[in-house]
């Protein structure tokens, strides 16, 4: 017979809290940044700035594409200062980092709930059951993967921003 315990409740809540940020990062915000940036650079090298901007507009849910589009629009308007181009890239409520890390609070909540489940499972006199351990480990895995993915994505976006900035500055010098 199955008896619902605090461990089940806390670990289940942790699993439910950690799943949305992970799914959002994997299915909605991710783009292969190197391939995307290579396509943008190729369009820029062939003096096709309008098509590069249009390509960025094709994936409006991806923070990298939104930032690149704003940077290209600023460049098209005549901005060549690296600081101004960086600000154009980040010009979003809270910045690009917020768009990526905005939901990570749920992953942190999932880790806190997992910690509560682990403490509940470790109470003296109540041995943890296998299903409690499995549910708790699943919650830990989902939360940790969500956080890892968010911070990796933020680093990829920053790397792509700097690569595009360097290319735009070199392009401006060649003209």
C-alpha atoms as a PDB file:
ATOM      1  CA  UNK A   1       0.000   0.000   0.000  1.00  0.00           C
ATOM      2  CA  UNK A   2       1.254   3.453  -0.907  1.00  0.00           C
ATOM      3  CA  UNK A   3       1.435   6.023   1.885  1.00  0.00           C
ATOM      4  CA  UNK A   4       2.018   9.641   0.971  1.00  0.00           C
ATOM      5  CA  UNK A   5       4.743  11.191   3.108  1.00  0.00           C
ATOM      6  CA  UNK A   6       6.319  14.631   3.381  1.00  0.00           C
ATOM      7  CA  UNK A   7       9.207  13.305   1.357  1.00  0.00           C
ATOM      8  CA  UNK A   8       6.837  12.523  -1.518  1.00  0.00           C
ATOM      9  CA  UNK A   9       5.192  15.922  -1.318  1.00  0.00           C
ATOM     10  CA  UNK A  10       8.441  17.905  -1.141  1.00  0.00           C
ATOM     11  CA  UNK A  11      10.293  15.878  -3.774  1.00  0.00           C
ATOM     12  CA  UNK A  12       7.258  15.937  -6.087  1.00  0.00           C
ATOM     13  CA  UNK A  13       6.966  19.708  -5.684  1.00  0.00           C
ATOM     14  CA  UNK A  14      10.688  20.005  -6.407  1.00  0.00           C
ATOM     15  CA  UNK A  15      10.283  17.967  -9.581  1.00  0.00           C
ATOM     16  CA  UNK A  16       7.318  20.088 -10.702  1.00  0.00           C
ATOM     17  CA  UNK A  17       9.201  23.318  -9.937  1.00  0.00           C
ATOM     18  CA  UNK A  18      12.343  22.274 -11.786  1.00  0.00           C
ATOM     19  CA  UNK A  19      10.733  20.969 -14.982  1.00  0.00           C
ATOM     20  CA  UNK A  20       9.382  24.242 -16.528  1.00  0.00           C
ATOM     21  CA  UNK A  21      12.718  26.130 -16.504  1.00  0.00           C
ATOM     22  CA  UNK A  22      14.534  23.166 -17.999  1.00  0.00           C
ATOM     23  CA  UNK A  23      11.914  22.684 -20.714  1.00  0.00           C
ATOM     24  CA  UNK A  24      11.914  26.420 -21.501  1.00  0.00           C
ATOM     25  CA  UNK A  25      15.698  26.479 -21.838  1.00  0.00           C
ATOM     26  CA  UNK A  26      15.919  23.366 -23.969  1.00  0.00           C
ATOM     27  CA  UNK A  27      12.947  23.882 -26.284  1.00  0.00           C
ATOM     28  CA  UNK A  28      12.335  27.618 -26.441  1.00  0.00           C
ATOM     29  CA  UNK A  29      15.508  29.621 -25.842  1.00  0.00           C
ATOM     30  CA  UNK A  30      18.211  27.479 -27.343  1.00  0.00           C
ATOM     31  CA  UNK A  31      19.824  27.950 -30.718  1.00  0.00           C
ATOM     32  CA  UNK A  32      23.149  26.656 -31.964  1.00  0.00           C
ATOM     33  CA  UNK A  33      24.991  29.929 -31.447  1.00  0.00           C
ATOM     34  CA  UNK A  34      28.037  29.153 -33.600  1.00  0.00           C
ATOM     35  CA  UNK A  35      25.962  28.164 -36.636  1.00  0.00           C
ATOM     36  CA  UNK A  36      23.617  31.120 -36.166  1.00  0.00           C
ATOM     37  CA  UNK A  37      26.501  33.554 -35.819  1.00  0.00           C
ATOM     38  CA  UNK A  38      28.274  32.040 -38.853  1.00  0.00           C
ATOM     39  CA  UNK A  39      25.152  32.670 -40.948  1.00  0.00           C
ATOM     40  CA  UNK A  40      24.967  36.268 -39.693  1.00  0.00           C
ATOM     41  CA  UNK A  41      28.666  36.884 -40.424  1.00  0.00           C
ATOM     42  CA  UNK A  42      28.280  35.392 -43.906  1.00  0.00           C
ATOM     43  CA  UNK A  43      25.390  37.749 -44.622  1.00  0.00           C
ATOM     44  CA  UNK A  44      27.370  40.701 -43.273  1.00  0.00           C
ATOM     45  CA  UNK A  45      30.410  39.794 -45.377  1.00  0.00           C
ATOM     46  CA  UNK A  46      28.212  39.814 -48.470  1.00  0.00           C
ATOM     47  CA  UNK A  47      26.864  43.286 -47.483  1.00  0.00           C
ATOM     48  CA  UNK A  48      23.444  41.886 -46.717  1.00  0.00           C
ATOM     49  CA  UNK A  49      22.700  43.616 -43.415  1.00  0.00           C
ATOM     50  CA  UNK A  50      18.940  43.740 -44.059  1.00  0.00           C
ATOM     51  CA  UNK A  51      18.798  39.958 -44.585  1.00  0.00           C
ATOM     52  CA  UNK A  52      20.854  39.401 -41.426  1.00  0.00           C
ATOM     53  CA  UNK A  53      18.344  41.452 -39.450  1.00  0.00           C
ATOM     54  CA  UNK A  54      15.495  39.545 -41.090  1.00  0.00           C
ATOM     55  CA  UNK A  55      17.136  36.235 -40.146  1.00  0.00           C
ATOM     56  CA  UNK A  56      17.266  37.373 -36.512  1.00  0.00           C
ATOM     57  CA  UNK A  57      13.588  38.308 -36.653  1.00  0.00           C
ATOM     58  CA  UNK A  58      12.736  34.769 -37.772  1.00  0.00           C
ATOM     59  CA  UNK A  59      13.398  33.411 -34.263  1.00  0.00           C
ATOM     60  CA  UNK A  60      11.991  36.080 -31.909  1.00  0.00           C
ATOM     61  CA  UNK A  61      11.805  33.812 -28.858  1.00  0.00           C
ATOM     62  CA  UNK A  62      15.583  33.233 -28.794  1.00  0.00           C
ATOM     63  CA  UNK A  63      17.418  35.841 -26.663  1.00  0.00           C
ATOM     64  CA  UNK A  64      20.587  35.591 -28.775  1.00  0.00           C
ATOM     65  CA  UNK A  65      18.671  36.405 -31.961  1.00  0.00           C
ATOM     66  CA  UNK A  66      16.915  39.366 -30.316  1.00  0.00           C
ATOM     67  CA  UNK A  67      20.228  40.753 -29.063  1.00  0.00           C
ATOM     68  CA  UNK A  68      21.962  40.272 -32.408  1.00  0.00           C
ATOM     69  CA  UNK A  69      19.054  41.953 -34.196  1.00  0.00           C
ATOM     70  CA  UNK A  70      19.236  44.996 -31.920  1.00  0.00           C
ATOM     71  CA  UNK A  71      23.018  45.169 -32.324  1.00  0.00           C
ATOM     72  CA  UNK A  72      22.722  44.981 -36.123  1.00  0.00           C
ATOM     73  CA  UNK A  73      20.010  47.635 -36.144  1.00  0.00           C
ATOM     74  CA  UNK A  74      22.224  49.941 -34.085  1.00  0.00           C
ATOM     75  CA  UNK A  75      25.121  49.253 -36.462  1.00  0.00           C
ATOM     76  CA  UNK A  76      22.862  50.005 -39.427  1.00  0.00           C
ATOM     77  CA  UNK A  77      21.938  53.312 -37.789  1.00  0.00           C
ATOM     78  CA  UNK A  78      25.620  54.235 -37.720  1.00  0.00           C
ATOM     79  CA  UNK A  79      26.660  53.214 -34.217  1.00  0.00           C
ATOM     80  CA  UNK A  80      30.268  52.011 -34.123  1.00  0.00           C
ATOM     81  CA  UNK A  81      31.112  52.471 -30.439  1.00  0.00           C
ATOM     82  CA  UNK A  82      31.566  49.066 -28.799  1.00  0.00           C
ATOM     83  CA  UNK A  83      29.891  50.153 -25.583  1.00  0.00           C
ATOM     84  CA  UNK A  84      26.834  51.440 -27.419  1.00  0.00           C
ATOM     85  CA  UNK A  85      26.621  48.233 -29.458  1.00  0.00           C
ATOM     86  CA  UNK A  86      26.842  46.127 -26.279  1.00  0.00           C
ATOM     87  CA  UNK A  87      24.077  48.208 -24.717  1.00  0.00           C
ATOM     88  CA  UNK A  88      21.954  47.725 -27.834  1.00  0.00           C
ATOM     89  CA  UNK A  89      22.494  43.970 -27.548  1.00  0.00           C
ATOM     90  CA  UNK A  90      21.475  43.958 -23.879  1.00  0.00           C
ATOM     91  CA  UNK A  91      18.592  46.419 -24.311  1.00  0.00           C
ATOM     92  CA  UNK A  92      15.788  44.283 -22.961  1.00  0.00           C
ATOM     93  CA  UNK A  93      13.983  44.594 -19.643  1.00  0.00           C
ATOM     94  CA  UNK A  94      16.515  43.102 -17.252  1.00  0.00           C
ATOM     95  CA  UNK A  95      18.962  42.387 -20.082  1.00  0.00           C
ATOM     96  CA  UNK A  96      19.586  39.229 -22.047  1.00  0.00           C
ATOM     97  CA  UNK A  97      20.828  37.495 -18.907  1.00  0.00           C
ATOM     98  CA  UNK A  98      17.428  38.026 -17.304  1.00  0.00           C
ATOM     99  CA  UNK A  99      15.688  36.470 -20.293  1.00  0.00           C
ATOM    100  CA  UNK A 100      17.779  33.345 -19.793  1.00  0.00           C
ATOM    101  CA  UNK A 101      18.031  33.296 -16.008  1.00  0.00           C
ATOM    102  CA  UNK A 102      14.549  34.668 -15.296  1.00  0.00           C
ATOM    103  CA  UNK A 103      13.041  31.289 -14.550  1.00  0.00           C
ATOM    104  CA  UNK A 104      15.984  29.813 -12.673  1.00  0.00           C
ATOM    105  CA  UNK A 105      14.359  30.832  -9.403  1.00  0.00           C
ATOM    106  CA  UNK A 106      12.144  27.793  -9.942  1.00  0.00           C
ATOM    107  CA  UNK A 107      15.223  25.595 -10.192  1.00  0.00           C
ATOM    108  CA  UNK A 108      16.575  27.089  -6.969  1.00  0.00           C
ATOM    109  CA  UNK A 109      13.164  26.478  -5.369  1.00  0.00           C
ATOM    110  CA  UNK A 110      13.340  22.885  -6.596  1.00  0.00           C
ATOM    111  CA  UNK A 111      16.738  22.481  -4.933  1.00  0.00           C
ATOM    112  CA  UNK A 112      15.364  23.911  -1.670  1.00  0.00           C
ATOM    113  CA  UNK A 113      12.389  21.545  -1.819  1.00  0.00           C
ATOM    114  CA  UNK A 114      14.759  18.675  -2.528  1.00  0.00           C
ATOM    115  CA  UNK A 115      16.784  19.648   0.535  1.00  0.00           C
ATOM    116  CA  UNK A 116      13.567  19.593   2.596  1.00  0.00           C
ATOM    117  CA  UNK A 117      12.750  16.154   1.218  1.00  0.00           C
ATOM    118  CA  UNK A 118      16.250  14.922   2.025  1.00  0.00           C
ATOM    119  CA  UNK A 119      15.978  16.206   5.600  1.00  0.00           C
ATOM    120  CA  UNK A 120      12.543  14.585   5.962  1.00  0.00           C
ATOM    121  CA  UNK A 121      13.901  11.306   4.634  1.00  0.00           C
ATOM    122  CA  UNK A 122      16.806  11.418   7.071  1.00  0.00           C
ATOM    123  CA  UNK A 123      14.649  11.690  10.182  1.00  0.00           C
ATOM    124  CA  UNK A 124      15.618   9.086  12.773  1.00  0.00           C
ATOM    125  CA  UNK A 125      13.439   6.033  13.008  1.00  0.00           C
ATOM    126  CA  UNK A 126      11.945   6.394   9.513  1.00  0.00           C
ATOM    127  CA  UNK A 127      13.990   4.585   6.881  1.00  0.00           C
ATOM    128  CA  UNK A 128      13.725   6.144   3.392  1.00  0.00           C
ATOM    129  CA  UNK A 129      11.816   4.067   0.877  1.00  0.00           C
ATOM    130  CA  UNK A 130      13.139   3.453  -2.643  1.00  0.00           C
ATOM    131  CA  UNK A 131      10.392   5.497  -4.317  1.00  0.00           C
ATOM    132  CA  UNK A 132      11.225   8.457  -2.085  1.00  0.00           C
ATOM    133  CA  UNK A 133      14.885   8.237  -3.029  1.00  0.00           C
ATOM    134  CA  UNK A 134      14.037   7.929  -6.734  1.00  0.00           C
ATOM    135  CA  UNK A 135      11.672  10.892  -6.692  1.00  0.00           C
ATOM    136  CA  UNK A 136      14.166  12.986  -4.743  1.00  0.00           C
ATOM    137  CA  UNK A 137      17.028  12.142  -7.096  1.00  0.00           C
ATOM    138  CA  UNK A 138      14.861  12.908 -10.137  1.00  0.00           C
ATOM    139  CA  UNK A 139      14.018  16.318  -8.653  1.00  0.00           C
ATOM    140  CA  UNK A 140      17.692  16.990  -7.935  1.00  0.00           C
ATOM    141  CA  UNK A 141      18.688  16.006 -11.469  1.00  0.00           C
ATOM    142  CA  UNK A 142      16.040  18.171 -13.140  1.00  0.00           C
ATOM    143  CA  UNK A 143      16.890  21.207 -10.994  1.00  0.00           C
ATOM    144  CA  UNK A 144      20.639  20.832 -11.477  1.00  0.00           C
ATOM    145  CA  UNK A 145      20.289  20.348 -15.247  1.00  0.00           C
ATOM    146  CA  UNK A 146      18.097  23.437 -15.495  1.00  0.00           C
ATOM    147  CA  UNK A 147      20.613  25.592 -13.651  1.00  0.00           C
ATOM    148  CA  UNK A 148      23.564  24.215 -15.614  1.00  0.00           C
ATOM    149  CA  UNK A 149      21.781  24.808 -18.920  1.00  0.00           C
ATOM    150  CA  UNK A 150      20.829  28.379 -17.975  1.00  0.00           C
ATOM    151  CA  UNK A 151      24.352  29.397 -17.031  1.00  0.00           C
ATOM    152  CA  UNK A 152      25.872  27.701 -20.085  1.00  0.00           C
ATOM    153  CA  UNK A 153      23.376  29.449 -22.358  1.00  0.00           C
ATOM    154  CA  UNK A 154      24.180  32.812 -20.788  1.00  0.00           C
ATOM    155  CA  UNK A 155      27.895  32.199 -21.367  1.00  0.00           C
ATOM    156  CA  UNK A 156      27.276  31.218 -25.016  1.00  0.00           C
ATOM    157  CA  UNK A 157      25.267  34.397 -25.568  1.00  0.00           C
ATOM    158  CA  UNK A 158      28.053  36.547 -24.097  1.00  0.00           C
ATOM    159  CA  UNK A 159      30.639  34.782 -26.255  1.00  0.00           C
ATOM    160  CA  UNK A 160      28.537  35.273 -29.400  1.00  0.00           C
ATOM    161  CA  UNK A 161      27.978  38.948 -28.523  1.00  0.00           C
ATOM    162  CA  UNK A 162      31.705  39.565 -28.276  1.00  0.00           C
ATOM    163  CA  UNK A 163      32.429  37.693 -31.512  1.00  0.00           C
ATOM    164  CA  UNK A 164      29.801  39.707 -33.391  1.00  0.00           C
ATOM    165  CA  UNK A 165      31.059  42.940 -31.850  1.00  0.00           C
ATOM    166  CA  UNK A 166      34.604  42.175 -33.014  1.00  0.00           C
ATOM    167  CA  UNK A 167      33.334  41.381 -36.513  1.00  0.00           C
ATOM    168  CA  UNK A 168      31.300  44.595 -36.710  1.00  0.00           C
ATOM    169  CA  UNK A 169      34.277  46.675 -35.581  1.00  0.00           C
ATOM    170  CA  UNK A 170      36.559  45.012 -38.150  1.00  0.00           C
ATOM    171  CA  UNK A 171      33.886  45.579 -40.793  1.00  0.00           C
ATOM    172  CA  UNK A 172      33.699  49.276 -39.870  1.00  0.00           C
ATOM    173  CA  UNK A 173      37.507  49.596 -40.124  1.00  0.00           C
ATOM    174  CA  UNK A 174      37.544  48.040 -43.600  1.00  0.00           C
ATOM    175  CA  UNK A 175      35.125  50.648 -44.901  1.00  0.00           C
END
